[in-house]
PDB file of N, CA and C in Angstrom:
ATOM      1  N   MET A   1      -0.461  24.560   2.326  1.00  0.00           N
ATOM      2  CA  MET A   1       0.081  24.203   1.176  1.00  0.00           C
ATOM      3  C   MET A   1       1.072  23.088   1.662  1.00  0.00           C
ATOM      4  N   THR A   2       0.840  21.782   1.187  1.00  0.00           N
ATOM      5  CA  THR A   2       1.703  20.659   1.267  1.00  0.00           C
ATOM      6  C   THR A   2       3.029  20.894   0.720  1.00  0.00           C
ATOM      7  N   CYS A   3       3.951  20.342   1.561  1.00  0.00           N
ATOM      8  CA  CYS A   3       5.419  20.543   1.009  1.00  0.00           C
ATOM      9  C   CYS A   3       5.451  19.747  -0.415  1.00  0.00           C
ATOM     10  N   PRO A   4       6.186  20.408  -1.439  1.00  0.00           N
ATOM     11  CA  PRO A   4       6.430  19.841  -2.577  1.00  0.00           C
ATOM     12  C   PRO A   4       7.376  18.532  -2.477  1.00  0.00           C
ATOM     13  N   PHE A   5       8.100  18.385  -1.366  1.00  0.00           N
ATOM     14  CA  PHE A   5       9.030  17.120  -1.412  1.00  0.00           C
ATOM     15  C   PHE A   5       8.262  15.948  -0.767  1.00  0.00           C
ATOM     16  N   LEU A   6       6.904  16.181  -0.440  1.00  0.00           N
ATOM     17  CA  LEU A   6       6.336  15.090   0.210  1.00  0.00           C
ATOM     18  C   LEU A   6       5.460  14.091  -0.823  1.00  0.00           C
ATOM     19  N   GLU A   7       5.554  12.779  -0.712  1.00  0.00           N
ATOM     20  CA  GLU A   7       4.825  11.940  -1.541  1.00  0.00           C
ATOM     21  C   GLU A   7       4.464  10.826  -0.673  1.00  0.00           C
ATOM     22  N   TYR A   8       3.335  10.063  -1.100  1.00  0.00           N
ATOM     23  CA  TYR A   8       2.870   8.802  -0.267  1.00  0.00           C
ATOM     24  C   TYR A   8       3.170   7.738  -1.234  1.00  0.00           C
ATOM     25  N   ARG A   9       3.809   6.696  -0.725  1.00  0.00           N
ATOM     26  CA  ARG A   9       4.231   5.503  -1.498  1.00  0.00           C
ATOM     27  C   ARG A   9       3.545   4.367  -0.861  1.00  0.00           C
ATOM     28  N   ASP A  10       3.007   3.429  -1.635  1.00  0.00           N
ATOM     29  CA  ASP A  10       2.589   2.197  -1.032  1.00  0.00           C
ATOM     30  C   ASP A  10       3.274   0.867  -1.250  1.00  0.00           C
ATOM     31  N   GLU A  11       4.546   1.169  -1.811  1.00  0.00           N
ATOM     32  CA  GLU A  11       5.589   0.240  -1.914  1.00  0.00           C
ATOM     33  C   GLU A  11       6.947   0.691  -2.119  1.00  0.00           C
ATOM     34  N   ALA A  12       7.929  -0.164  -1.699  1.00  0.00           N
ATOM     35  CA  ALA A  12       9.271   0.185  -1.840  1.00  0.00           C
ATOM     36  C   ALA A  12      10.190  -0.993  -1.797  1.00  0.00           C
ATOM     37  N   ASP A  13      11.258  -1.092  -2.686  1.00  0.00           N
ATOM     38  CA  ASP A  13      12.167  -2.199  -2.727  1.00  0.00           C
ATOM     39  C   ASP A  13      11.292  -3.462  -2.892  1.00  0.00           C
ATOM     40  N   GLY A  14      10.218  -3.438  -3.599  1.00  0.00           N
ATOM     41  CA  GLY A  14       9.539  -4.682  -3.817  1.00  0.00           C
ATOM     42  C   GLY A  14       8.581  -5.045  -2.781  1.00  0.00           C
ATOM     43  N   ARG A  15       8.548  -4.342  -1.735  1.00  0.00           N
ATOM     44  CA  ARG A  15       7.607  -4.671  -0.786  1.00  0.00           C
ATOM     45  C   ARG A  15       6.371  -3.842  -0.806  1.00  0.00           C
ATOM     46  N   GLN A  16       5.081  -4.356  -0.488  1.00  0.00           N
ATOM     47  CA  GLN A  16       3.992  -3.646  -0.411  1.00  0.00           C
ATOM     48  C   GLN A  16       3.635  -3.349   1.009  1.00  0.00           C
ATOM     49  N   PHE A  17       2.959  -2.094   1.274  1.00  0.00           N
ATOM     50  CA  PHE A  17       2.589  -1.727   2.617  1.00  0.00           C
ATOM     51  C   PHE A  17       1.023  -1.790   2.472  1.00  0.00           C
ATOM     52  N   ASP A  18       0.496  -1.954   3.707  1.00  0.00           N
ATOM     53  CA  ASP A  18      -0.943  -2.045   3.861  1.00  0.00           C
ATOM     54  C   ASP A  18      -1.536  -0.673   3.326  1.00  0.00           C
ATOM     55  N   ARG A  19      -0.896   0.394   3.665  1.00  0.00           N
ATOM     56  CA  ARG A  19      -1.353   1.749   3.234  1.00  0.00           C
ATOM     57  C   ARG A  19      -0.175   2.667   3.058  1.00  0.00           C
ATOM     58  N   PRO A  20      -0.539   3.671   2.123  1.00  0.00           N
ATOM     59  CA  PRO A  20       0.723   4.650   1.766  1.00  0.00           C
ATOM     60  C   PRO A  20       1.467   5.199   3.000  1.00  0.00           C
ATOM     61  N   ARG A  21       2.790   5.342   2.829  1.00  0.00           N
ATOM     62  CA  ARG A  21       3.523   5.759   3.766  1.00  0.00           C
ATOM     63  C   ARG A  21       4.161   7.091   3.257  1.00  0.00           C
ATOM     64  N   ALA A  22       4.470   8.149   4.140  1.00  0.00           N
ATOM     65  CA  ALA A  22       5.079   9.328   3.773  1.00  0.00           C
ATOM     66  C   ALA A  22       6.455   9.154   3.351  1.00  0.00           C
ATOM     67  N   TYR A  23       6.799   9.679   2.265  1.00  0.00           N
ATOM     68  CA  TYR A  23       8.234   9.822   1.663  1.00  0.00           C
ATOM     69  C   TYR A  23       8.607  11.086   1.313  1.00  0.00           C
ATOM     70  N   CYS A  24       9.821  11.436   1.825  1.00  0.00           N
ATOM     71  CA  CYS A  24      10.445  12.726   1.431  1.00  0.00           C
ATOM     72  C   CYS A  24      11.427  12.575   0.326  1.00  0.00           C
ATOM     73  N   THR A  25      11.119  13.328  -0.707  1.00  0.00           N
ATOM     74  CA  THR A  25      11.950  13.037  -1.993  1.00  0.00           C
ATOM     75  C   THR A  25      13.335  13.915  -1.793  1.00  0.00           C
ATOM     76  N   ALA A  26      13.205  15.035  -0.957  1.00  0.00           N
ATOM     77  CA  ALA A  26      14.352  15.748  -0.694  1.00  0.00           C
ATOM     78  C   ALA A  26      15.479  14.844   0.216  1.00  0.00           C
ATOM     79  N   ALA A  27      15.023  14.153   1.167  1.00  0.00           N
ATOM     80  CA  ALA A  27      15.988  13.413   1.967  1.00  0.00           C
ATOM     81  C   ALA A  27      16.133  11.908   1.338  1.00  0.00           C
ATOM     82  N   GLU A  28      15.169  11.535   0.458  1.00  0.00           N
ATOM     83  CA  GLU A  28      15.256  10.144  -0.173  1.00  0.00           C
ATOM     84  C   GLU A  28      14.846   9.153   0.837  1.00  0.00           C
ATOM     85  N   ARG A  29      13.904   9.352   1.693  1.00  0.00           N
ATOM     86  CA  ARG A  29      13.628   8.228   2.534  1.00  0.00           C
ATOM     87  C   ARG A  29      12.315   8.539   3.298  1.00  0.00           C
ATOM     88  N   PHE A  30      11.750   7.417   3.733  1.00  0.00           N
ATOM     89  CA  PHE A  30      10.390   7.598   4.406  1.00  0.00           C
ATOM     90  C   PHE A  30      10.562   8.232   5.748  1.00  0.00           C
ATOM     91  N   VAL A  31       9.452   8.971   5.981  1.00  0.00           N
ATOM     92  CA  VAL A  31       9.567   9.921   7.315  1.00  0.00           C
ATOM     93  C   VAL A  31       8.486   9.421   8.242  1.00  0.00           C
ATOM     94  N   GLN A  32       8.641   9.839   9.574  1.00  0.00           N
ATOM     95  CA  GLN A  32       7.812   9.611  10.458  1.00  0.00           C
ATOM     96  C   GLN A  32       6.473  10.331  10.313  1.00  0.00           C
ATOM     97  N   PRO A  33       5.358   9.894  10.904  1.00  0.00           N
ATOM     98  CA  PRO A  33       4.076  10.434  10.787  1.00  0.00           C
ATOM     99  C   PRO A  33       4.197  11.864  11.391  1.00  0.00           C
ATOM    100  N   MET A  34       4.981  12.251  12.440  1.00  0.00           N
ATOM    101  CA  MET A  34       5.089  13.640  12.899  1.00  0.00           C
ATOM    102  C   MET A  34       5.781  14.387  11.702  1.00  0.00           C
ATOM    103  N   ARG A  35       6.717  14.064  11.059  1.00  0.00           N
ATOM    104  CA  ARG A  35       7.312  14.740   9.975  1.00  0.00           C
ATOM    105  C   ARG A  35       6.264  14.959   8.982  1.00  0.00           C
ATOM    106  N   ALA A  36       5.537  13.902   8.651  1.00  0.00           N
ATOM    107  CA  ALA A  36       4.505  14.213   7.575  1.00  0.00           C
ATOM    108  C   ALA A  36       3.353  15.349   7.911  1.00  0.00           C
ATOM    109  N   ASP A  37       3.163  15.385   9.287  1.00  0.00           N
ATOM    110  CA  ASP A  37       2.339  16.341   9.771  1.00  0.00           C
ATOM    111  C   ASP A  37       2.858  17.788   9.534  1.00  0.00           C
ATOM    112  N   ILE A  38       4.253  17.958   9.720  1.00  0.00           N
ATOM    113  CA  ILE A  38       4.798  19.111   9.474  1.00  0.00           C
ATOM    114  C   ILE A  38       4.726  19.465   7.899  1.00  0.00           C
ATOM    115  N   CYS A  39       5.063  18.412   7.022  1.00  0.00           N
ATOM    116  CA  CYS A  39       4.939  18.526   5.610  1.00  0.00           C
ATOM    117  C   CYS A  39       3.639  19.086   5.216  1.00  0.00           C
ATOM    118  N   SER A  40       2.496  18.539   5.918  1.00  0.00           N
ATOM    119  CA  SER A  40       1.148  18.767   5.428  1.00  0.00           C
ATOM    120  C   SER A  40       0.732  20.155   6.228  1.00  0.00           C
ATOM    121  N   ASP A  41       1.408  20.831   6.841  1.00  0.00           N
ATOM    122  CA  ASP A  41       1.249  22.015   7.651  1.00  0.00           C
ATOM    123  C   ASP A  41      -0.209  21.746   8.656  1.00  0.00           C
ATOM    124  N   ARG A  42      -0.028  20.703   9.369  1.00  0.00           N
ATOM    125  CA  ARG A  42      -1.014  20.404  10.139  1.00  0.00           C
ATOM    126  C   ARG A  42      -0.709  20.965  11.615  1.00  0.00           C
ATOM    127  N   TYR A  43      -1.727  21.140  12.443  1.00  0.00           N
ATOM    128  CA  TYR A  43      -1.546  21.476  13.895  1.00  0.00           C
ATOM    129  C   TYR A  43      -0.830  22.936  14.002  1.00  0.00           C
ATOM    130  N   ALA A  44      -0.854  23.754  13.039  1.00  0.00           N
ATOM    131  CA  ALA A  44      -0.184  25.129  13.042  1.00  0.00           C
ATOM    132  C   ALA A  44       1.301  24.958  12.874  1.00  0.00           C
ATOM    133  N   LEU A  45       1.773  23.728  12.358  1.00  0.00           N
ATOM    134  CA  LEU A  45       3.096  23.540  11.986  1.00  0.00           C
ATOM    135  C   LEU A  45       3.234  23.994  10.415  1.00  0.00           C
ATOM    136  N   GLU A  46       4.374  24.574  10.009  1.00  0.00           N
ATOM    137  CA  GLU A  46       4.612  25.049   8.647  1.00  0.00           C
ATOM    138  C   GLU A  46       5.824  24.458   8.140  1.00  0.00           C
ATOM    139  N   HIS A  47       6.019  23.834   7.095  1.00  0.00           N
ATOM    140  CA  HIS A  47       7.196  23.229   6.611  1.00  0.00           C
ATOM    141  C   HIS A  47       8.177  24.206   6.348  1.00  0.00           C
ATOM    142  N   GLU A  48       7.775  25.288   5.938  1.00  0.00           N
ATOM    143  CA  GLU A  48       8.856  26.398   5.624  1.00  0.00           C
ATOM    144  C   GLU A  48       9.599  26.837   7.020  1.00  0.00           C
ATOM    145  N   ALA A  49       8.798  26.899   8.076  1.00  0.00           N
ATOM    146  CA  ALA A  49       9.433  27.329   9.354  1.00  0.00           C
ATOM    147  C   ALA A  49       9.806  26.106  10.206  1.00  0.00           C
ATOM    148  N   HIS A  50       9.282  24.937  10.024  1.00  0.00           N
ATOM    149  CA  HIS A  50       9.634  23.957  11.138  1.00  0.00           C
ATOM    150  C   HIS A  50      10.353  22.704  10.575  1.00  0.00           C
ATOM    151  N   CYS A  51      10.594  22.721   9.230  1.00  0.00           N
ATOM    152  CA  CYS A  51      11.403  21.581   8.713  1.00  0.00           C
ATOM    153  C   CYS A  51      12.827  21.816   8.349  1.00  0.00           C
ATOM    154  N   GLU A  52      13.891  21.435   8.784  1.00  0.00           N
ATOM    155  CA  GLU A  52      15.134  21.759   8.364  1.00  0.00           C
ATOM    156  C   GLU A  52      15.498  21.106   7.097  1.00  0.00           C
ATOM    157  N   ILE A  53      14.726  19.852   6.715  1.00  0.00           N
ATOM    158  CA  ILE A  53      15.121  19.283   5.434  1.00  0.00           C
ATOM    159  C   ILE A  53      14.533  20.286   4.282  1.00  0.00           C
ATOM    160  N   TYR A  54      13.454  20.818   4.425  1.00  0.00           N
ATOM    161  CA  TYR A  54      12.742  21.575   3.374  1.00  0.00           C
ATOM    162  C   TYR A  54      13.526  22.846   3.224  1.00  0.00           C
ATOM    163  N   ARG A  55      13.956  23.564   4.451  1.00  0.00           N
ATOM    164  CA  ARG A  55      14.799  24.799   4.309  1.00  0.00           C
ATOM    165  C   ARG A  55      16.183  24.525   3.757  1.00  0.00           C
ATOM    166  N   ALA A  56      16.806  23.457   3.923  1.00  0.00           N
ATOM    167  CA  ALA A  56      18.088  23.112   3.213  1.00  0.00           C
ATOM    168  C   ALA A  56      17.975  22.963   1.740  1.00  0.00           C
ATOM    169  N   HIS A  57      16.904  22.328   1.304  1.00  0.00           N
ATOM    170  CA  HIS A  57      16.612  22.131  -0.157  1.00  0.00           C
ATOM    171  C   HIS A  57      16.105  23.147  -0.794  1.00  0.00           C
ATOM    172  N   ALA A  58      15.213  24.036  -0.081  1.00  0.00           N
ATOM    173  CA  ALA A  58      14.540  25.192  -0.751  1.00  0.00           C
ATOM    174  C   ALA A  58      15.477  26.385  -0.953  1.00  0.00           C
ATOM    175  N   GLU A  59      16.574  26.264  -0.183  1.00  0.00           N
ATOM    176  CA  GLU A  59      17.462  27.506  -0.185  1.00  0.00           C
ATOM    177  C   GLU A  59      18.586  27.133  -1.339  1.00  0.00           C
ATOM    178  N   GLY A  60      18.748  25.864  -1.673  1.00  0.00           N
ATOM    179  CA  GLY A  60      19.501  25.604  -2.754  1.00  0.00           C
ATOM    180  C   GLY A  60      21.012  25.110  -2.282  1.00  0.00           C
ATOM    181  N   PRO A  61      21.877  24.905  -3.130  1.00  0.00           N
ATOM    182  CA  PRO A  61      23.336  24.398  -2.591  1.00  0.00           C
ATOM    183  C   PRO A  61      23.916  25.762  -2.215  1.00  0.00           C
ATOM    184  N   GLU A  62      24.923  25.472  -1.261  1.00  0.00           N
ATOM    185  CA  GLU A  62      25.651  26.580  -0.738  1.00  0.00           C
ATOM    186  C   GLU A  62      26.630  27.110  -1.879  1.00  0.00           C
ATOM    187  N   PRO A  63      26.837  28.400  -2.036  1.00  0.00           N
ATOM    188  CA  PRO A  63      27.705  28.961  -3.046  1.00  0.00           C
ATOM    189  C   PRO A  63      29.200  28.746  -2.873  1.00  0.00           C
TER     190      PRO A  63
END
């Protein structure tokens, strides 16, 4: 299952990209291709286990 925080965008701040880039809506920034591999659960990586951004946002705010 792909991370629910992952999007692919082909533009930002009025700039067009040649191809869509991985964007993390939880971190509110574009992420490196290796991070997108984790988000997409490629190469036996799992976003629930290997992504600190996902875990921080999935757990919710501190009480």
